[in-house]
Amino acid sequence: MALVGALAATVTGCVSKAKAQAQARAAYIAGQQEAMTRMQQAQGGGATVRINGKVQIPILPWTIGLTLMKALVTAEYGGVEPAQILILRNGLASRVDVKKLLAGEDVPLQPGDVVQIVEPQTGPLQAQPQP
C-alpha cells in the first residue's frame, strides 16, 4: 500500500516535458521584460520633464544628469531673468534661488518634474481714460 501511495504522489507532481518547457520559456520572457523595464527606468525611458514659461520646447525627455540649467537651455527659454522658479516634484513645490542658479549652483531634475518659471511683474495695468 505504501508503494501505491508513493507512486500516486510522484505521478501527480509530474509535469510533461512540453509543459515544463513552456513554463521555462514563459519565465525567461518575463525575466527579459522585467530587465528591459528596469533598464528603461534607469535610463529615463519615456520619462519627461515639463517647463512652464516662455519656452519653445515645453516637454523634454528626462535623461540621467539633466539639470535645471540644461533643461532651460534645451527648452529654449526666451524670457527675462525669472522672478521665481519652482520645481514641482511628487506634489510638492520647491523654490529655486534664481541668483544661486545664475551663479552656477545647478539643480538636478528627476523624471516627472514640472518647472514653473515666474516672470517679474511689469507693474499694475493702467486704466485707459474714458473720453
N, C-alpha and C. Protein backbone atom coordinates (compact mmCIF):
# COMPACT_ATOMS: atom_id res chain seq x y z
N MET A 1 0.81 -1.18 0.00
CA MET A 1 0.00 0.00 0.00
C MET A 1 0.86 1.25 0.00
N ALA A 2 1.95 1.26 0.72
CA ALA A 2 2.83 2.43 0.80
C ALA A 2 3.42 2.73 -0.57
N LEU A 3 3.72 1.68 -1.35
CA LEU A 3 4.28 1.87 -2.69
C LEU A 3 3.26 2.54 -3.60
N VAL A 4 2.01 2.20 -3.52
CA VAL A 4 0.97 2.80 -4.34
C VAL A 4 0.81 4.28 -3.98
N GLY A 5 0.83 4.61 -2.69
CA GLY A 5 0.71 6.00 -2.25
C GLY A 5 1.89 6.83 -2.74
N ALA A 6 3.10 6.28 -2.70
CA ALA A 6 4.29 6.99 -3.16
C ALA A 6 4.23 7.22 -4.66
N LEU A 7 3.76 6.18 -5.41
CA LEU A 7 3.62 6.32 -6.86
C LEU A 7 2.58 7.38 -7.21
N ALA A 8 1.48 7.40 -6.49
CA ALA A 8 0.43 8.38 -6.76
C ALA A 8 0.94 9.80 -6.49
N ALA A 9 1.71 10.00 -5.43
CA ALA A 9 2.26 11.31 -5.11
C ALA A 9 3.25 11.74 -6.18
N THR A 10 4.05 10.82 -6.69
CA THR A 10 5.03 11.14 -7.72
C THR A 10 4.35 11.49 -9.03
N VAL A 11 3.32 10.74 -9.40
CA VAL A 11 2.64 10.96 -10.66
C VAL A 11 1.92 12.31 -10.66
N THR A 12 1.26 12.66 -9.56
CA THR A 12 0.52 13.92 -9.52
C THR A 12 1.46 15.12 -9.54
N GLY A 13 2.70 14.97 -9.09
CA GLY A 13 3.66 16.07 -9.10
C GLY A 13 4.41 16.19 -10.41
N CYS A 14 4.25 15.26 -11.31
CA CYS A 14 4.97 15.27 -12.58
C CYS A 14 4.35 16.29 -13.54
N VAL A 15 5.20 16.84 -14.38
CA VAL A 15 4.78 17.76 -15.41
C VAL A 15 5.32 17.23 -16.72
N SER A 16 4.53 17.33 -17.77
CA SER A 16 5.01 16.84 -19.06
C SER A 16 6.20 17.68 -19.50
N LYS A 17 7.01 17.13 -20.36
CA LYS A 17 8.20 17.83 -20.86
C LYS A 17 7.80 19.10 -21.61
N ALA A 18 6.74 19.02 -22.41
CA ALA A 18 6.28 20.18 -23.17
C ALA A 18 5.80 21.29 -22.22
N LYS A 19 5.08 20.89 -21.17
CA LYS A 19 4.58 21.88 -20.22
C LYS A 19 5.75 22.51 -19.45
N ALA A 20 6.74 21.74 -19.10
CA ALA A 20 7.90 22.26 -18.39
C ALA A 20 8.67 23.25 -19.27
N GLN A 21 8.78 22.93 -20.57
CA GLN A 21 9.47 23.84 -21.49
C GLN A 21 8.68 25.13 -21.66
N ALA A 22 7.37 25.04 -21.73
CA ALA A 22 6.53 26.22 -21.87
C ALA A 22 6.66 27.11 -20.63
N GLN A 23 6.69 26.50 -19.45
CA GLN A 23 6.84 27.27 -18.22
C GLN A 23 8.22 27.95 -18.17
N ALA A 24 9.23 27.23 -18.58
CA ALA A 24 10.58 27.79 -18.60
C ALA A 24 10.67 28.96 -19.59
N ARG A 25 10.06 28.79 -20.75
CA ARG A 25 10.06 29.85 -21.77
C ARG A 25 9.32 31.09 -21.25
N ALA A 26 8.18 30.88 -20.60
CA ALA A 26 7.40 31.99 -20.05
C ALA A 26 8.20 32.72 -18.95
N ALA A 27 8.89 31.95 -18.12
CA ALA A 27 9.70 32.56 -17.06
C ALA A 27 10.86 33.36 -17.67
N TYR A 28 11.48 32.83 -18.71
CA TYR A 28 12.58 33.53 -19.39
C TYR A 28 12.09 34.85 -19.99
N ILE A 29 10.96 34.82 -20.68
CA ILE A 29 10.41 36.03 -21.30
C ILE A 29 10.03 37.05 -20.23
N ALA A 30 9.43 36.61 -19.15
CA ALA A 30 9.06 37.52 -18.07
C ALA A 30 10.32 38.17 -17.47
N GLY A 31 11.37 37.40 -17.31
CA GLY A 31 12.64 37.94 -16.80
C GLY A 31 13.24 38.96 -17.75
N GLN A 32 13.18 38.68 -19.05
CA GLN A 32 13.69 39.62 -20.06
C GLN A 32 12.90 40.92 -20.04
N GLN A 33 11.57 40.82 -19.94
CA GLN A 33 10.73 42.02 -19.90
C GLN A 33 11.02 42.85 -18.65
N GLU A 34 11.19 42.18 -17.53
CA GLU A 34 11.49 42.90 -16.29
C GLU A 34 12.84 43.60 -16.38
N ALA A 35 13.83 42.94 -16.97
CA ALA A 35 15.15 43.56 -17.14
C ALA A 35 15.07 44.78 -18.05
N MET A 36 14.30 44.70 -19.14
CA MET A 36 14.15 45.83 -20.05
C MET A 36 13.45 47.00 -19.35
N THR A 37 12.44 46.70 -18.56
CA THR A 37 11.72 47.73 -17.82
C THR A 37 12.67 48.44 -16.86
N ARG A 38 13.48 47.69 -16.14
CA ARG A 38 14.43 48.28 -15.19
C ARG A 38 15.46 49.14 -15.91
N MET A 39 15.94 48.68 -17.06
CA MET A 39 16.92 49.46 -17.83
C MET A 39 16.30 50.76 -18.30
N GLN A 40 15.06 50.71 -18.79
CA GLN A 40 14.39 51.92 -19.27
C GLN A 40 14.17 52.90 -18.13
N GLN A 41 13.80 52.38 -16.96
CA GLN A 41 13.60 53.26 -15.81
C GLN A 41 14.91 53.90 -15.39
N ALA A 42 16.00 53.14 -15.41
CA ALA A 42 17.30 53.67 -15.04
C ALA A 42 17.78 54.72 -16.03
N GLN A 43 17.43 54.56 -17.29
CA GLN A 43 17.85 55.50 -18.32
C GLN A 43 16.79 56.57 -18.58
N GLY A 44 15.70 56.52 -17.85
CA GLY A 44 14.65 57.52 -18.03
C GLY A 44 13.79 57.27 -19.24
N GLY A 45 13.71 56.02 -19.69
CA GLY A 45 12.93 55.70 -20.89
C GLY A 45 11.49 56.16 -20.76
N GLY A 46 11.10 57.12 -21.58
CA GLY A 46 9.73 57.59 -21.59
C GLY A 46 9.44 58.67 -20.57
N ALA A 47 10.35 58.88 -19.61
CA ALA A 47 10.12 59.89 -18.59
C ALA A 47 10.39 61.27 -19.16
N THR A 48 9.65 62.25 -18.68
CA THR A 48 9.79 63.61 -19.20
C THR A 48 9.89 64.61 -18.05
N VAL A 49 10.26 65.83 -18.43
CA VAL A 49 10.25 66.99 -17.54
C VAL A 49 9.48 68.06 -18.30
N ARG A 50 8.61 68.78 -17.60
CA ARG A 50 7.82 69.84 -18.23
C ARG A 50 8.31 71.20 -17.74
N ILE A 51 8.44 72.14 -18.67
CA ILE A 51 8.85 73.50 -18.34
C ILE A 51 7.70 74.43 -18.68
N ASN A 52 7.13 75.10 -17.68
CA ASN A 52 6.04 76.06 -17.88
C ASN A 52 6.64 77.47 -17.83
N GLY A 53 6.53 78.18 -18.92
CA GLY A 53 7.06 79.53 -19.00
C GLY A 53 7.30 79.86 -20.47
N LYS A 54 8.09 80.89 -20.73
CA LYS A 54 8.37 81.31 -22.11
C LYS A 54 9.45 80.43 -22.72
N VAL A 55 9.06 79.22 -23.12
CA VAL A 55 9.98 78.27 -23.74
C VAL A 55 9.42 77.81 -25.08
N GLN A 56 10.32 77.41 -25.96
CA GLN A 56 9.92 76.89 -27.26
C GLN A 56 9.57 75.41 -27.19
N ILE A 57 10.23 74.68 -26.28
CA ILE A 57 10.02 73.23 -26.16
C ILE A 57 9.62 72.93 -24.71
N PRO A 58 8.32 72.86 -24.42
CA PRO A 58 7.89 72.72 -23.03
C PRO A 58 8.05 71.33 -22.42
N ILE A 59 8.12 70.30 -23.24
CA ILE A 59 8.26 68.95 -22.69
C ILE A 59 9.59 68.37 -23.19
N LEU A 60 10.43 67.98 -22.25
CA LEU A 60 11.75 67.44 -22.57
C LEU A 60 11.85 66.00 -22.08
N PRO A 61 12.57 65.16 -22.81
CA PRO A 61 12.81 63.82 -22.28
C PRO A 61 13.79 63.91 -21.11
N TRP A 62 13.48 63.23 -20.04
CA TRP A 62 14.40 63.21 -18.90
C TRP A 62 15.55 62.27 -19.23
N THR A 63 16.75 62.69 -18.91
CA THR A 63 17.94 61.86 -19.07
C THR A 63 18.75 61.93 -17.80
N ILE A 64 19.59 60.94 -17.58
CA ILE A 64 20.47 60.95 -16.42
C ILE A 64 21.37 62.18 -16.52
N GLY A 65 21.48 62.92 -15.44
CA GLY A 65 22.32 64.11 -15.41
C GLY A 65 21.63 65.39 -15.83
N LEU A 66 20.32 65.32 -16.14
CA LEU A 66 19.60 66.53 -16.55
C LEU A 66 19.49 67.47 -15.35
N THR A 67 19.86 68.72 -15.57
CA THR A 67 19.78 69.74 -14.53
C THR A 67 18.83 70.84 -14.98
N LEU A 68 18.49 71.71 -14.05
CA LEU A 68 17.58 72.81 -14.37
C LEU A 68 18.17 73.70 -15.45
N MET A 69 19.44 74.07 -15.34
CA MET A 69 20.04 74.96 -16.33
C MET A 69 20.09 74.29 -17.70
N LYS A 70 20.46 73.01 -17.76
CA LYS A 70 20.47 72.29 -19.03
C LYS A 70 19.07 72.24 -19.64
N ALA A 71 18.07 72.04 -18.78
CA ALA A 71 16.69 71.96 -19.26
C ALA A 71 16.23 73.31 -19.81
N LEU A 72 16.60 74.40 -19.15
CA LEU A 72 16.20 75.72 -19.63
C LEU A 72 16.85 76.04 -20.97
N VAL A 73 18.10 75.65 -21.14
CA VAL A 73 18.77 75.87 -22.42
C VAL A 73 18.14 75.00 -23.50
N THR A 74 17.91 73.74 -23.19
CA THR A 74 17.32 72.81 -24.16
C THR A 74 15.91 73.24 -24.54
N ALA A 75 15.14 73.73 -23.56
CA ALA A 75 13.76 74.16 -23.81
C ALA A 75 13.72 75.51 -24.54
N GLU A 76 14.87 76.16 -24.67
CA GLU A 76 14.99 77.46 -25.34
C GLU A 76 14.17 78.53 -24.62
N TYR A 77 14.50 78.71 -23.34
CA TYR A 77 13.85 79.76 -22.54
C TYR A 77 14.17 81.11 -23.15
N GLY A 78 13.14 81.92 -23.37
CA GLY A 78 13.32 83.20 -24.03
C GLY A 78 12.81 84.39 -23.25
N GLY A 79 12.64 84.24 -21.96
CA GLY A 79 12.13 85.36 -21.17
C GLY A 79 13.25 86.13 -20.50
N VAL A 80 12.86 87.07 -19.67
CA VAL A 80 13.83 87.84 -18.88
C VAL A 80 14.22 87.01 -17.67
N GLU A 81 15.14 87.56 -16.87
CA GLU A 81 15.56 86.84 -15.66
C GLU A 81 14.32 86.58 -14.80
N PRO A 82 14.05 85.31 -14.48
CA PRO A 82 12.83 84.98 -13.74
C PRO A 82 12.82 85.58 -12.34
N ALA A 83 11.65 85.95 -11.89
CA ALA A 83 11.47 86.41 -10.52
C ALA A 83 11.52 85.23 -9.58
N GLN A 84 11.06 84.09 -10.08
CA GLN A 84 10.97 82.90 -9.24
C GLN A 84 10.93 81.66 -10.13
N ILE A 85 11.53 80.58 -9.64
CA ILE A 85 11.43 79.28 -10.31
C ILE A 85 11.02 78.27 -9.26
N LEU A 86 9.99 77.50 -9.58
CA LEU A 86 9.53 76.44 -8.70
C LEU A 86 9.70 75.10 -9.40
N ILE A 87 10.07 74.09 -8.64
CA ILE A 87 10.11 72.73 -9.17
C ILE A 87 9.05 71.94 -8.41
N LEU A 88 8.07 71.43 -9.16
CA LEU A 88 7.02 70.59 -8.57
C LEU A 88 7.43 69.14 -8.73
N ARG A 89 7.58 68.46 -7.61
CA ARG A 89 8.03 67.07 -7.61
C ARG A 89 7.17 66.29 -6.62
N ASN A 90 6.51 65.27 -7.12
CA ASN A 90 5.67 64.42 -6.27
C ASN A 90 4.67 65.24 -5.46
N GLY A 91 4.09 66.26 -6.09
CA GLY A 91 3.07 67.06 -5.45
C GLY A 91 3.59 68.15 -4.52
N LEU A 92 4.90 68.27 -4.38
CA LEU A 92 5.48 69.29 -3.51
C LEU A 92 6.26 70.30 -4.34
N ALA A 93 6.12 71.58 -4.00
CA ALA A 93 6.83 72.64 -4.72
C ALA A 93 8.08 73.04 -3.95
N SER A 94 9.20 73.15 -4.67
CA SER A 94 10.45 73.62 -4.09
C SER A 94 10.87 74.87 -4.82
N ARG A 95 11.22 75.90 -4.09
CA ARG A 95 11.64 77.16 -4.68
C ARG A 95 13.14 77.09 -4.98
N VAL A 96 13.51 77.56 -6.17
CA VAL A 96 14.91 77.60 -6.57
C VAL A 96 15.41 79.04 -6.41
N ASP A 97 16.57 79.20 -5.80
CA ASP A 97 17.16 80.52 -5.65
C ASP A 97 17.74 80.92 -7.01
N VAL A 98 17.09 81.84 -7.69
CA VAL A 98 17.48 82.23 -9.06
C VAL A 98 18.90 82.80 -9.07
N LYS A 99 19.26 83.60 -8.07
CA LYS A 99 20.61 84.19 -8.01
C LYS A 99 21.66 83.10 -7.92
N LYS A 100 21.42 82.09 -7.09
CA LYS A 100 22.39 80.99 -6.96
C LYS A 100 22.46 80.18 -8.25
N LEU A 101 21.31 79.96 -8.90
CA LEU A 101 21.29 79.23 -10.17
C LEU A 101 22.14 79.96 -11.20
N LEU A 102 21.95 81.28 -11.30
CA LEU A 102 22.72 82.06 -12.27
C LEU A 102 24.19 82.15 -11.90
N ALA A 103 24.51 81.94 -10.62
CA ALA A 103 25.91 81.95 -10.17
C ALA A 103 26.57 80.58 -10.37
N GLY A 104 25.80 79.60 -10.85
CA GLY A 104 26.39 78.30 -11.15
C GLY A 104 25.94 77.14 -10.28
N GLU A 105 25.11 77.39 -9.28
CA GLU A 105 24.60 76.31 -8.42
C GLU A 105 23.41 75.66 -9.12
N ASP A 106 23.68 74.64 -9.91
CA ASP A 106 22.62 74.00 -10.69
C ASP A 106 21.84 73.02 -9.82
N VAL A 107 20.65 72.66 -10.28
CA VAL A 107 19.75 71.79 -9.53
C VAL A 107 19.44 70.57 -10.40
N PRO A 108 19.69 69.35 -9.90
CA PRO A 108 19.34 68.16 -10.69
C PRO A 108 17.83 67.98 -10.78
N LEU A 109 17.38 67.53 -11.94
CA LEU A 109 15.95 67.27 -12.15
C LEU A 109 15.71 65.77 -12.13
N GLN A 110 14.49 65.39 -11.79
CA GLN A 110 14.09 63.99 -11.75
C GLN A 110 12.94 63.77 -12.73
N PRO A 111 12.75 62.51 -13.15
CA PRO A 111 11.64 62.21 -14.07
C PRO A 111 10.32 62.69 -13.49
N GLY A 112 9.52 63.34 -14.33
CA GLY A 112 8.20 63.81 -13.91
C GLY A 112 8.19 65.19 -13.29
N ASP A 113 9.36 65.81 -13.11
CA ASP A 113 9.39 67.15 -12.53
C ASP A 113 8.67 68.14 -13.45
N VAL A 114 8.05 69.14 -12.83
CA VAL A 114 7.44 70.25 -13.56
C VAL A 114 8.11 71.52 -13.06
N VAL A 115 8.71 72.26 -13.99
CA VAL A 115 9.40 73.50 -13.66
C VAL A 115 8.47 74.66 -14.01
N GLN A 116 8.20 75.52 -13.04
CA GLN A 116 7.35 76.69 -13.25
C GLN A 116 8.22 77.93 -13.18
N ILE A 117 8.28 78.67 -14.29
CA ILE A 117 9.07 79.90 -14.34
C ILE A 117 8.12 81.07 -14.18
N VAL A 118 8.36 81.88 -13.16
CA VAL A 118 7.51 83.04 -12.88
C VAL A 118 8.29 84.29 -13.30
N GLU A 119 7.73 85.03 -14.25
CA GLU A 119 8.36 86.25 -14.74
C GLU A 119 8.08 87.39 -13.75
N PRO A 120 8.97 88.39 -13.69
CA PRO A 120 8.71 89.53 -12.81
C PRO A 120 7.51 90.33 -13.32
N GLN A 121 6.82 90.95 -12.40
CA GLN A 121 5.68 91.80 -12.76
C GLN A 121 6.20 93.09 -13.38
N THR A 122 5.55 93.55 -14.41
CA THR A 122 5.97 94.79 -15.06
C THR A 122 5.27 95.99 -14.46
N GLY A 123 4.43 95.78 -13.50
CA GLY A 123 3.71 96.88 -12.87
C GLY A 123 2.23 96.72 -13.08
N PRO A 124 1.44 97.48 -12.34
CA PRO A 124 -0.02 97.35 -12.48
C PRO A 124 -0.47 97.89 -13.82
N LEU A 125 -1.53 97.33 -14.30
CA LEU A 125 -2.11 97.81 -15.55
C LEU A 125 -2.72 99.19 -15.34
N GLN A 126 -2.47 100.04 -16.29
CA GLN A 126 -3.01 101.39 -16.21
C GLN A 126 -4.37 101.43 -16.90
N ALA A 127 -5.33 101.99 -16.24
CA ALA A 127 -6.66 102.12 -16.86
C ALA A 127 -6.60 103.22 -17.92
N GLN A 128 -7.20 102.96 -19.02
CA GLN A 128 -7.25 103.95 -20.09
C GLN A 128 -8.34 104.97 -19.75
N PRO A 129 -8.02 106.25 -19.90
CA PRO A 129 -9.06 107.26 -19.59
C PRO A 129 -10.21 107.14 -20.56
N GLN A 130 -11.38 107.33 -20.04
CA GLN A 130 -12.59 107.27 -20.87
C GLN A 130 -12.83 108.63 -21.49
N PRO A 131 -13.15 108.72 -22.80
CA PRO A 131 -13.43 110.02 -23.45
C PRO A 131 -14.73 110.63 -23.01
